[in-house]
């Protein structure tokens, strides 16, 4: 009996020494064996094909690890399809429970928490996960011709421009018809005073000046030239504003938010135009519930039971689905490319995903070394981009943060200073025209008096 006990103890010590030696081997050679790996379907991380096989970031990660450490693996989904949480009776569900019961050798995609650390071991961090908001992408600002022009120049701005044009044309028409220095000066040169005195010709003069095409007529009177100086000033300022608005429209992003922009969870909590949504009973709900500053967001939030339900709410509009970055970036890069991911850089919401292992697992050390090698070589980042951040949508639209309007629209306040100057100039031009008329009448009267005196003097000289 004693020799049997001695033999049994020696065998156990030998196995323990063998596993320990293999676990600390610099080459990471644990030996040819098949490990059972637990994983749950997750966008980008794991996808189950129709034939029952799997693909995704986790599959490629395990392939890389198996090549470095020399083992085979089989992916197994947990019976309850849960990552694992602690029941009231002290037992664990999901993959964590299977690790505790040693039904799994590894579990992928587990979030490192203090509770889980008490019952299982974790590898080095594989992915830094953070919370992001997934919102419906606003409609493009590139529209048809007429809506495009009404976006750049709203109707009130068009009315100001057209009103200024008519004001200048009407005042110019009055000046041409009334001012003695317009008709007389021009008719003396060309003899077409009647044709040039029509309202249509005044409209053509002002339009030609606006289009910078030049005209065959320029004001001769002081009042007409005074008006044209300010009309040209109005034209120059208006063209500068329109050119800048058009350039901004075509150079800026085609995305223009139709709701109050949000850049953080604080913005989401403060706005009434967008309601938050997240998984009910998950870590995200616990996170927002624990922060006093997010109580309004927590109370207004819609609880969803699946990712598909959250996506459906987002596509209806008025909802921001809060989830892990892998989910938001994965779906923002998939057709129909109508979603966009928003990251809150002001809130610390990072969680760390690692490989879960049973306590005392011989894989832990070599797995850690292999993960570090993959991270240092850039292979881990490449796999993450391959399965999560790259997709079917153009990168500028897919990863865009919330932006302001894609261009600066013109407003009536932009044109109001030069419009007021034009109105004042028109009034002063009419006043100058009145002075011209009065001056011309006075000069004509003086000339008439001189002529009468001269004729009277000649008459007296002839009859002397």
Protein backbone atom coordinates (compact mmCIF):
# COMPACT_ATOMS: atom_id res chain seq x y z
CA UNK A 1 0.00 0.00 0.00
CA UNK A 2 2.81 2.39 0.87
CA UNK A 3 4.55 1.87 -2.44
CA UNK A 4 1.28 2.55 -4.27
CA UNK A 5 0.81 5.86 -2.45
CA UNK A 6 4.44 6.79 -3.16
CA UNK A 7 3.98 5.96 -6.83
CA UNK A 8 0.77 8.02 -7.03
CA UNK A 9 2.40 11.06 -5.39
CA UNK A 10 5.40 10.75 -7.65
CA UNK A 11 3.20 10.63 -10.73
CA UNK A 12 1.31 13.76 -9.65
CA UNK A 13 4.55 15.61 -8.96
CA UNK A 14 5.91 14.50 -12.31
CA UNK A 15 2.85 15.73 -14.16
CA UNK A 16 2.94 19.01 -12.26
CA UNK A 17 6.63 19.47 -13.05
CA UNK A 18 6.02 18.62 -16.71
CA UNK A 19 3.18 21.12 -17.10
CA UNK A 20 5.15 23.80 -15.26
CA UNK A 21 8.20 23.23 -17.39
CA UNK A 22 6.17 23.35 -20.56
CA UNK A 23 4.38 26.49 -19.38
CA UNK A 24 7.66 28.32 -18.83
CA UNK A 25 9.27 27.16 -22.05
CA UNK A 26 10.66 30.16 -23.94
CA UNK A 27 9.27 28.82 -27.17
CA UNK A 28 5.80 28.62 -25.67
CA UNK A 29 5.57 24.90 -26.47
CA UNK A 30 2.87 23.47 -24.22
CA UNK A 31 2.69 20.44 -26.39
CA UNK A 32 0.26 19.21 -29.00
CA UNK A 33 -3.21 19.20 -27.50
CA UNK A 34 -6.67 20.50 -28.31
CA UNK A 35 -8.02 23.24 -26.06
CA UNK A 36 -11.69 24.11 -25.70
CA UNK A 37 -12.24 27.83 -26.17
CA UNK A 38 -15.47 29.52 -25.17
CA UNK A 39 -16.76 32.44 -27.24
CA UNK A 40 -20.01 34.25 -27.99
CA UNK A 41 -21.09 35.75 -31.29
CA UNK A 42 -20.22 39.44 -31.33
CA UNK A 43 -20.05 41.88 -34.26
CA UNK A 44 -16.53 41.83 -35.66
CA UNK A 45 -15.26 39.47 -32.97
CA UNK A 46 -17.07 36.26 -33.83
CA UNK A 47 -19.53 35.31 -36.56
CA UNK A 48 -21.04 31.89 -37.11
CA UNK A 49 -21.30 30.82 -40.73
CA UNK A 50 -24.17 28.81 -42.14
CA UNK A 51 -22.04 25.65 -42.11
CA UNK A 52 -21.45 25.98 -38.35
CA UNK A 53 -17.86 27.23 -38.55
CA UNK A 54 -16.71 30.55 -37.13
CA UNK A 55 -14.88 33.58 -38.43
CA UNK A 56 -13.81 36.91 -36.99
CA UNK A 57 -11.23 38.60 -34.84
CA UNK A 58 -11.31 35.91 -32.15
CA UNK A 59 -10.77 33.11 -34.67
CA UNK A 60 -7.76 34.86 -36.21
CA UNK A 61 -6.41 35.66 -32.74
CA UNK A 62 -6.60 32.03 -31.65
CA UNK A 63 -5.01 30.98 -34.93
CA UNK A 64 -2.08 33.31 -34.29
CA UNK A 65 -1.73 32.07 -30.70
CA UNK A 66 -1.92 28.43 -31.75
CA UNK A 67 0.86 29.01 -34.28
CA UNK A 68 3.07 30.62 -31.64
CA UNK A 69 2.34 28.15 -28.84
CA UNK A 70 1.63 25.00 -30.88
CA UNK A 71 -1.82 23.79 -29.91
CA UNK A 72 -5.13 23.11 -31.60
CA UNK A 73 -8.38 24.71 -30.52
CA UNK A 74 -12.10 24.17 -30.79
CA UNK A 75 -14.54 27.05 -30.29
CA UNK A 76 -17.55 26.25 -28.12
CA UNK A 77 -20.47 28.55 -27.36
CA UNK A 78 -21.71 28.55 -23.74
CA UNK A 79 -24.99 26.79 -23.10
CA UNK A 80 -26.72 29.91 -21.76
CA UNK A 81 -25.00 32.27 -24.27
CA UNK A 82 -23.80 34.52 -21.42
CA UNK A 83 -20.41 35.99 -20.64
CA UNK A 84 -21.02 35.37 -16.97
CA UNK A 85 -22.41 37.12 -13.93
CA UNK A 86 -22.62 36.22 -10.25
CA UNK A 87 -25.93 34.78 -9.08
CA UNK A 88 -27.40 35.48 -5.66
CA UNK A 89 -26.51 31.93 -4.58
CA UNK A 90 -22.82 32.62 -5.27
CA UNK A 91 -22.53 30.60 -8.49
CA UNK A 92 -21.49 31.99 -11.85
CA UNK A 93 -23.29 31.78 -15.18
CA UNK A 94 -21.97 31.74 -18.73
CA UNK A 95 -18.38 31.29 -19.73
CA UNK A 96 -17.10 32.44 -16.34
CA UNK A 97 -19.04 29.61 -14.69
CA UNK A 98 -17.67 27.09 -17.17
CA UNK A 99 -14.13 28.30 -16.45
CA UNK A 100 -14.74 27.95 -12.72
CA UNK A 101 -16.00 24.40 -13.29
CA UNK A 102 -13.05 23.83 -15.67
CA UNK A 103 -15.32 22.93 -18.54
CA UNK A 104 -13.36 25.39 -20.71
CA UNK A 105 -9.64 25.93 -21.14
CA UNK A 106 -10.08 29.54 -22.30
CA UNK A 107 -12.85 32.08 -22.79
CA UNK A 108 -12.58 34.94 -25.28
CA UNK A 109 -13.84 38.50 -25.03
CA UNK A 110 -14.27 38.67 -21.26
CA UNK A 111 -14.22 42.06 -19.55
CA UNK A 112 -11.76 42.21 -16.66
CA UNK A 113 -13.63 42.94 -13.41
CA UNK A 114 -12.71 42.63 -9.75
CA UNK A 115 -15.42 40.03 -9.13
CA UNK A 116 -14.26 37.83 -11.96
CA UNK A 117 -10.63 38.19 -10.88
CA UNK A 118 -11.53 36.41 -7.64
CA UNK A 119 -12.62 33.21 -9.37
CA UNK A 120 -10.68 33.06 -12.68
CA UNK A 121 -7.38 34.23 -14.14
CA UNK A 122 -7.00 36.70 -17.01
CA UNK A 123 -4.39 37.01 -19.71
CA UNK A 124 -2.79 40.28 -20.77
CA UNK A 125 -5.23 42.81 -22.19
CA UNK A 126 -6.21 42.00 -25.77
CA UNK A 127 -8.48 44.95 -26.60
CA UNK A 128 -9.10 48.28 -24.89
CA UNK A 129 -12.86 48.64 -25.16
CA UNK A 130 -14.67 51.95 -24.69
CA UNK A 131 -18.24 53.12 -24.87
CA UNK A 132 -19.40 54.97 -27.97
CA UNK A 133 -22.67 56.36 -29.29
CA UNK A 134 -24.13 55.04 -32.51
CA UNK A 135 -26.45 57.57 -34.17
CA UNK A 136 -28.21 57.89 -37.49
CA UNK A 137 -26.08 59.67 -40.04
CA UNK A 138 -27.68 63.00 -40.99
CA UNK A 139 -28.81 63.44 -44.60
CA UNK A 140 -26.24 64.70 -47.05
CA UNK A 141 -26.11 68.41 -47.73
CA UNK A 142 -25.57 67.82 -51.44
CA UNK A 143 -29.01 68.45 -52.92
CA UNK A 144 -30.60 69.49 -56.15
CA UNK A 145 -29.90 72.87 -57.66
CA UNK A 146 -32.71 74.89 -56.13
CA UNK A 147 -32.52 73.44 -52.59
CA UNK A 148 -28.75 73.88 -52.81
CA UNK A 149 -29.07 77.60 -53.51
CA UNK A 150 -31.69 78.09 -50.83
CA UNK A 151 -29.33 76.39 -48.38
CA UNK A 152 -26.44 78.69 -49.28
CA UNK A 153 -28.66 81.78 -49.58
CA UNK A 154 -31.97 81.46 -47.72
CA UNK A 155 -35.06 83.17 -49.08
CA UNK A 156 -34.68 86.29 -46.86
CA UNK A 157 -31.18 86.85 -48.27
CA UNK A 158 -32.51 86.55 -51.82
CA UNK A 159 -35.19 89.11 -50.99
CA UNK A 160 -32.58 91.55 -49.66
CA UNK A 161 -30.48 91.19 -52.84
CA UNK A 162 -33.47 91.57 -55.17
CA UNK A 163 -34.82 94.48 -53.14
CA UNK A 164 -31.47 96.24 -53.35
CA UNK A 165 -31.37 95.62 -57.10
CA UNK A 166 -34.84 97.10 -57.62
CA UNK A 167 -34.04 100.04 -55.33
CA UNK A 168 -30.92 100.91 -57.31
CA UNK A 169 -32.75 100.52 -60.64
CA UNK A 170 -35.71 102.70 -59.58
CA UNK A 171 -33.51 105.48 -58.20
CA UNK A 172 -31.31 105.36 -61.31
CA UNK A 173 -34.42 105.56 -63.50
CA UNK A 174 -35.60 108.65 -61.62
CA UNK A 175 -32.17 110.27 -61.87
CA UNK A 176 -31.92 109.60 -65.62
CA UNK A 177 -35.40 111.02 -66.20
CA UNK A 178 -35.19 114.04 -63.90
CA UNK A 179 -31.58 115.09 -63.59
CA UNK A 180 -30.77 117.71 -66.25
CA UNK A 181 -27.19 116.51 -66.44
CA UNK A 182 -28.10 112.98 -67.57
CA UNK A 183 -30.40 113.57 -70.57
CA UNK A 184 -28.76 116.70 -71.83
CA UNK A 185 -25.20 115.48 -71.47
CA UNK A 186 -25.83 112.15 -73.15
CA UNK A 187 -28.22 113.40 -75.86
CA UNK A 188 -25.61 115.92 -76.88
CA UNK A 189 -23.23 113.05 -77.63
CA UNK A 190 -25.51 110.34 -79.03
CA UNK A 191 -28.95 111.78 -79.45
CA UNK A 192 -30.77 108.81 -77.88
CA UNK A 193 -31.99 110.35 -74.65
CA UNK A 194 -35.49 108.91 -75.01
CA UNK A 195 -34.31 105.31 -75.38
CA UNK A 196 -31.96 105.57 -72.41
CA UNK A 197 -34.65 107.02 -70.17
CA UNK A 198 -36.76 103.82 -69.95
CA UNK A 199 -37.06 101.73 -66.77
CA UNK A 200 -35.94 98.62 -68.65
CA UNK A 201 -32.68 100.34 -69.50
CA UNK A 202 -32.19 101.21 -65.82
CA UNK A 203 -32.70 97.56 -64.90
CA UNK A 204 -30.17 96.52 -67.53
CA UNK A 205 -27.61 99.03 -66.26
CA UNK A 206 -27.86 97.73 -62.67
CA UNK A 207 -27.83 94.07 -63.76
CA UNK A 208 -24.79 94.58 -65.99
CA UNK A 209 -22.97 96.17 -63.08
CA UNK A 210 -23.95 93.23 -60.85
CA UNK A 211 -22.64 90.66 -63.33
CA UNK A 212 -19.42 92.62 -63.98
CA UNK A 213 -20.07 92.64 -67.73
CA UNK A 214 -19.80 96.37 -68.24
CA UNK A 215 -22.41 98.67 -69.76
CA UNK A 216 -22.59 101.05 -72.71
CA UNK A 217 -23.73 103.81 -70.43
CA UNK A 218 -22.28 105.34 -67.29
CA UNK A 219 -23.93 108.04 -65.21
CA UNK A 220 -23.01 111.63 -66.17
CA UNK A 221 -24.57 113.40 -63.22
CA UNK A 222 -23.09 113.66 -59.76
CA UNK A 223 -26.19 112.04 -58.27
CA UNK A 224 -26.01 109.07 -60.67
CA UNK A 225 -22.31 108.52 -60.06
CA UNK A 226 -22.80 108.84 -56.31
CA UNK A 227 -25.48 106.12 -56.42
CA UNK A 228 -23.35 103.83 -58.61
CA UNK A 229 -20.38 104.03 -56.23
CA UNK A 230 -22.44 102.53 -53.41
CA UNK A 231 -24.20 100.09 -55.76
CA UNK A 232 -20.81 98.74 -56.81
CA UNK A 233 -19.82 98.50 -53.14
CA UNK A 234 -22.95 96.48 -52.41
CA UNK A 235 -22.19 94.19 -55.37
CA UNK A 236 -18.58 93.58 -54.30
CA UNK A 237 -19.55 92.74 -50.72
CA UNK A 238 -22.39 90.45 -51.82
CA UNK A 239 -20.20 88.55 -54.30
CA UNK A 240 -17.52 88.06 -51.64
CA UNK A 241 -20.08 86.57 -49.25
CA UNK A 242 -21.63 84.33 -51.91
CA UNK A 243 -18.24 83.11 -53.14
CA UNK A 244 -17.16 82.30 -49.60
CA UNK A 245 -20.40 80.44 -48.88
CA UNK A 246 -20.16 78.39 -52.08
CA UNK A 247 -16.51 77.53 -51.44
CA UNK A 248 -17.33 76.51 -47.89
CA UNK A 249 -20.20 74.37 -49.09
CA UNK A 250 -18.09 72.35 -51.53
CA UNK A 251 -15.00 72.10 -49.33
CA UNK A 252 -16.77 71.14 -46.13
CA UNK A 253 -18.07 67.71 -45.26
CA UNK A 254 -21.32 66.74 -46.94
CA UNK A 255 -22.67 65.75 -43.52
CA UNK A 256 -24.88 68.33 -41.86
CA UNK A 257 -26.65 67.58 -38.61
CA UNK A 258 -30.38 68.16 -38.59
CA UNK A 259 -30.58 67.85 -34.80
CA UNK A 260 -28.70 69.33 -31.88
CA UNK A 261 -25.11 68.07 -32.23
CA UNK A 262 -23.76 65.76 -29.52
CA UNK A 263 -20.10 65.16 -28.84
CA UNK A 264 -20.26 63.60 -25.38
CA UNK A 265 -22.50 61.78 -22.96
CA UNK A 266 -23.04 65.11 -21.21
CA UNK A 267 -24.47 66.54 -24.44
CA UNK A 268 -26.68 63.49 -24.82
CA UNK A 269 -27.97 63.88 -21.27
CA UNK A 270 -28.68 67.59 -21.79
CA UNK A 271 -30.50 67.41 -25.13
CA UNK A 272 -34.16 66.46 -25.51
CA UNK A 273 -33.90 65.74 -29.23
CA UNK A 274 -32.08 62.42 -28.82
CA UNK A 275 -32.83 59.63 -26.35
CA UNK A 276 -30.11 57.25 -25.17
CA UNK A 277 -30.47 53.48 -25.43
CA UNK A 278 -28.33 50.64 -24.09
CA UNK A 279 -28.51 46.98 -23.09
CA UNK A 280 -30.81 46.40 -20.15
CA UNK A 281 -29.13 44.72 -17.19
CA UNK A 282 -25.66 44.94 -18.74
CA UNK A 283 -22.39 46.54 -17.70
CA UNK A 284 -23.29 49.72 -19.59
CA UNK A 285 -26.41 50.25 -17.49
CA UNK A 286 -24.43 49.64 -14.31
CA UNK A 287 -21.81 52.14 -15.46
CA UNK A 288 -24.28 55.01 -15.99
CA UNK A 289 -26.26 54.11 -12.87
CA UNK A 290 -23.16 54.48 -10.70
CA UNK A 291 -22.38 58.05 -11.85
CA UNK A 292 -24.50 60.84 -10.28
CA UNK A 293 -23.76 63.15 -13.24
CA UNK A 294 -25.38 60.67 -15.63
CA UNK A 295 -28.61 60.13 -13.69
CA UNK A 296 -30.71 62.07 -16.21
CA UNK A 297 -29.24 60.01 -19.04
CA UNK A 298 -29.84 56.81 -17.07
CA UNK A 299 -33.47 57.70 -16.34
CA UNK A 300 -34.28 58.70 -19.94
CA UNK A 301 -32.56 55.69 -21.50
CA UNK A 302 -34.37 53.01 -23.48
CA UNK A 303 -33.43 49.46 -22.46
CA UNK A 304 -32.92 47.05 -25.35
CA UNK A 305 -32.42 43.31 -25.29
CA UNK A 306 -30.36 42.92 -28.46
CA UNK A 307 -28.11 44.78 -30.84
CA UNK A 308 -30.66 44.46 -33.64
CA UNK A 309 -33.27 46.19 -31.49
CA UNK A 310 -30.85 49.03 -30.76
CA UNK A 311 -29.98 49.44 -34.44
CA UNK A 312 -33.65 49.54 -35.39
CA UNK A 313 -34.28 52.35 -32.90
CA UNK A 314 -31.28 54.31 -34.20
CA UNK A 315 -32.40 54.04 -37.82
CA UNK A 316 -35.84 55.36 -36.89
CA UNK A 317 -34.12 58.52 -35.69
CA UNK A 318 -33.91 60.41 -32.42
CA UNK A 319 -32.02 57.65 -30.57
CA UNK A 320 -28.33 57.19 -29.71
CA UNK A 321 -27.41 53.56 -29.04
CA UNK A 322 -24.62 53.38 -26.43
CA UNK A 323 -22.49 50.28 -26.84
CA UNK A 324 -18.93 49.05 -27.02
CA UNK A 325 -16.73 50.62 -29.67
CA UNK A 326 -16.48 47.33 -31.52
CA UNK A 327 -20.24 47.32 -32.08
CA UNK A 328 -20.53 51.01 -33.02
CA UNK A 329 -17.55 50.97 -35.36
CA UNK A 330 -18.53 47.66 -36.92
CA UNK A 331 -22.05 48.77 -37.86
CA UNK A 332 -21.00 52.28 -38.86
CA UNK A 333 -18.82 50.62 -41.49
CA UNK A 334 -21.50 48.38 -42.94
CA UNK A 335 -24.05 49.10 -45.65
CA UNK A 336 -26.32 50.96 -46.04
CA UNK A 337 -23.76 53.29 -44.39
CA UNK A 338 -26.47 55.26 -42.61
CA UNK A 339 -24.93 55.17 -39.13
CA UNK A 340 -22.02 56.98 -37.53
CA UNK A 341 -20.02 56.36 -34.35
CA UNK A 342 -19.35 59.14 -31.84
CA UNK A 343 -16.65 58.76 -29.19
CA UNK A 344 -16.77 60.77 -25.98
CA UNK A 345 -13.17 61.76 -25.37
CA UNK A 346 -14.04 63.53 -22.11
CA UNK A 347 -15.43 60.52 -20.25
CA UNK A 348 -13.33 57.63 -19.00
CA UNK A 349 -15.34 54.59 -20.02
CA UNK A 350 -12.56 52.22 -21.04
CA UNK A 351 -12.93 48.54 -20.27
CA UNK A 352 -10.34 45.89 -20.92
CA UNK A 353 -11.03 42.63 -22.73
CA UNK A 354 -8.79 39.64 -22.16
CA UNK A 355 -8.75 35.87 -22.38
CA UNK A 356 -10.25 34.18 -19.32
CA UNK A 357 -8.51 31.11 -17.92
CA UNK A 358 -9.15 28.74 -15.02
CA UNK A 359 -7.22 29.57 -11.88
CA UNK A 360 -3.70 28.15 -12.10
CA UNK A 361 -3.90 27.44 -15.83
CA UNK A 362 -0.51 26.54 -17.35
CA UNK A 363 -1.47 28.54 -20.44
CA UNK A 364 -1.46 31.91 -18.72
CA UNK A 365 2.23 32.78 -18.94
CA UNK A 366 2.79 31.65 -22.52
CA UNK A 367 -0.47 33.26 -23.63
CA UNK A 368 0.67 36.56 -22.11
CA UNK A 369 4.00 36.39 -23.91
CA UNK A 370 2.31 35.54 -27.22
CA UNK A 371 -0.18 38.42 -26.86
CA UNK A 372 2.68 40.84 -26.19
CA UNK A 373 4.48 39.56 -29.28
CA UNK A 374 1.37 40.09 -31.41
CA UNK A 375 0.90 43.58 -29.99
CA UNK A 376 4.53 44.60 -30.52
CA UNK A 377 4.57 43.30 -34.09
CA UNK A 378 1.38 45.19 -34.95
CA UNK A 379 -0.41 41.98 -35.82
CA UNK A 380 -3.04 42.49 -33.12
CA UNK A 381 -3.85 45.96 -34.43
CA UNK A 382 -4.02 44.62 -37.97
CA UNK A 383 -6.56 41.95 -36.99
CA UNK A 384 -8.68 44.51 -35.13
CA UNK A 385 -8.76 46.82 -38.14
CA UNK A 386 -9.49 43.91 -40.47
CA UNK A 387 -12.58 42.73 -38.62
CA UNK A 388 -13.87 45.79 -36.77
CA UNK A 389 -12.92 49.19 -38.18
CA UNK A 390 -12.60 48.40 -41.88
CA UNK A 391 -15.73 47.82 -43.88
CA UNK A 392 -17.95 48.85 -46.76
CA UNK A 393 -18.27 52.60 -46.09
CA UNK A 394 -15.87 55.41 -46.85
CA UNK A 395 -13.67 56.19 -43.84
CA UNK A 396 -14.41 59.95 -43.61
CA UNK A 397 -18.13 59.30 -43.19
CA UNK A 398 -17.79 56.17 -41.09
CA UNK A 399 -15.52 57.50 -38.37
CA UNK A 400 -16.70 61.10 -38.39
CA UNK A 401 -17.39 62.65 -35.05
CA UNK A 402 -20.31 64.94 -34.68
CA UNK A 403 -19.73 67.99 -36.85
CA UNK A 404 -21.31 71.38 -37.11
CA UNK A 405 -23.16 72.42 -40.26
CA UNK A 406 -21.02 71.67 -43.28
CA UNK A 407 -21.00 75.29 -44.45
CA UNK A 408 -21.79 78.76 -43.16
CA UNK A 409 -25.13 79.89 -44.52
CA UNK A 410 -25.58 83.52 -45.45
CA UNK A 411 -27.97 85.52 -43.29
CA UNK A 412 -29.64 88.88 -43.68
CA UNK A 413 -27.37 90.23 -40.96
CA UNK A 414 -24.40 89.63 -43.28
CA UNK A 415 -25.91 91.94 -45.92
CA UNK A 416 -27.64 94.40 -43.64
CA UNK A 417 -24.69 96.86 -43.28
CA UNK A 418 -24.23 97.33 -47.04
CA UNK A 419 -27.99 97.32 -47.59
CA UNK A 420 -28.40 100.20 -45.15
CA UNK A 421 -25.53 102.03 -46.84
CA UNK A 422 -27.25 101.57 -50.21
CA UNK A 423 -30.56 102.91 -48.87
CA UNK A 424 -28.82 105.95 -47.38
CA UNK A 425 -26.89 106.44 -50.64
CA UNK A 426 -30.15 106.29 -52.64
CA UNK A 427 -31.72 108.95 -50.42
CA UNK A 428 -28.64 111.17 -50.69
CA UNK A 429 -28.54 110.62 -54.47
CA UNK A 430 -32.13 111.85 -54.74
CA UNK A 431 -31.22 114.86 -52.60
CA UNK A 432 -28.23 115.58 -54.83
CA UNK A 433 -30.50 115.23 -57.86
CA UNK A 434 -32.85 117.80 -56.33
CA UNK A 435 -29.92 120.15 -55.84
CA UNK A 436 -28.89 119.57 -59.47
CA UNK A 437 -32.40 120.40 -60.70
CA UNK A 438 -32.58 123.51 -58.56
CA UNK A 439 -29.08 124.57 -59.59
CA UNK A 440 -29.89 124.03 -63.25
CA UNK A 441 -33.06 126.12 -62.98
CA UNK A 442 -31.18 128.90 -61.21
CA UNK A 443 -28.43 128.84 -63.81
CA UNK A 444 -31.02 128.89 -66.58
CA UNK A 445 -32.72 131.85 -64.95
CA UNK A 446 -29.42 133.71 -64.63
CA UNK A 447 -28.60 132.88 -68.22
CA UNK A 448 -32.03 134.07 -69.31
CA UNK A 449 -31.60 137.33 -67.42
CA UNK A 450 -28.20 137.83 -68.99
CA UNK A 451 -29.64 137.15 -72.42
CA UNK A 452 -32.52 139.57 -71.83
CA UNK A 453 -30.12 142.26 -70.62
CA UNK A 454 -27.88 141.72 -73.60
CA UNK A 455 -30.81 141.92 -76.00
CA UNK A 456 -32.10 145.04 -74.30
CA UNK A 457 -28.66 146.64 -74.48
CA UNK A 458 -28.33 145.82 -78.17
CA UNK A 459 -31.79 147.20 -78.83
CA UNK A 460 -30.96 150.45 -77.09
CA UNK A 461 -27.67 150.76 -78.94
CA UNK A 462 -29.38 150.23 -82.27
CA UNK A 463 -32.04 152.86 -81.50
CA UNK A 464 -29.65 155.42 -80.02
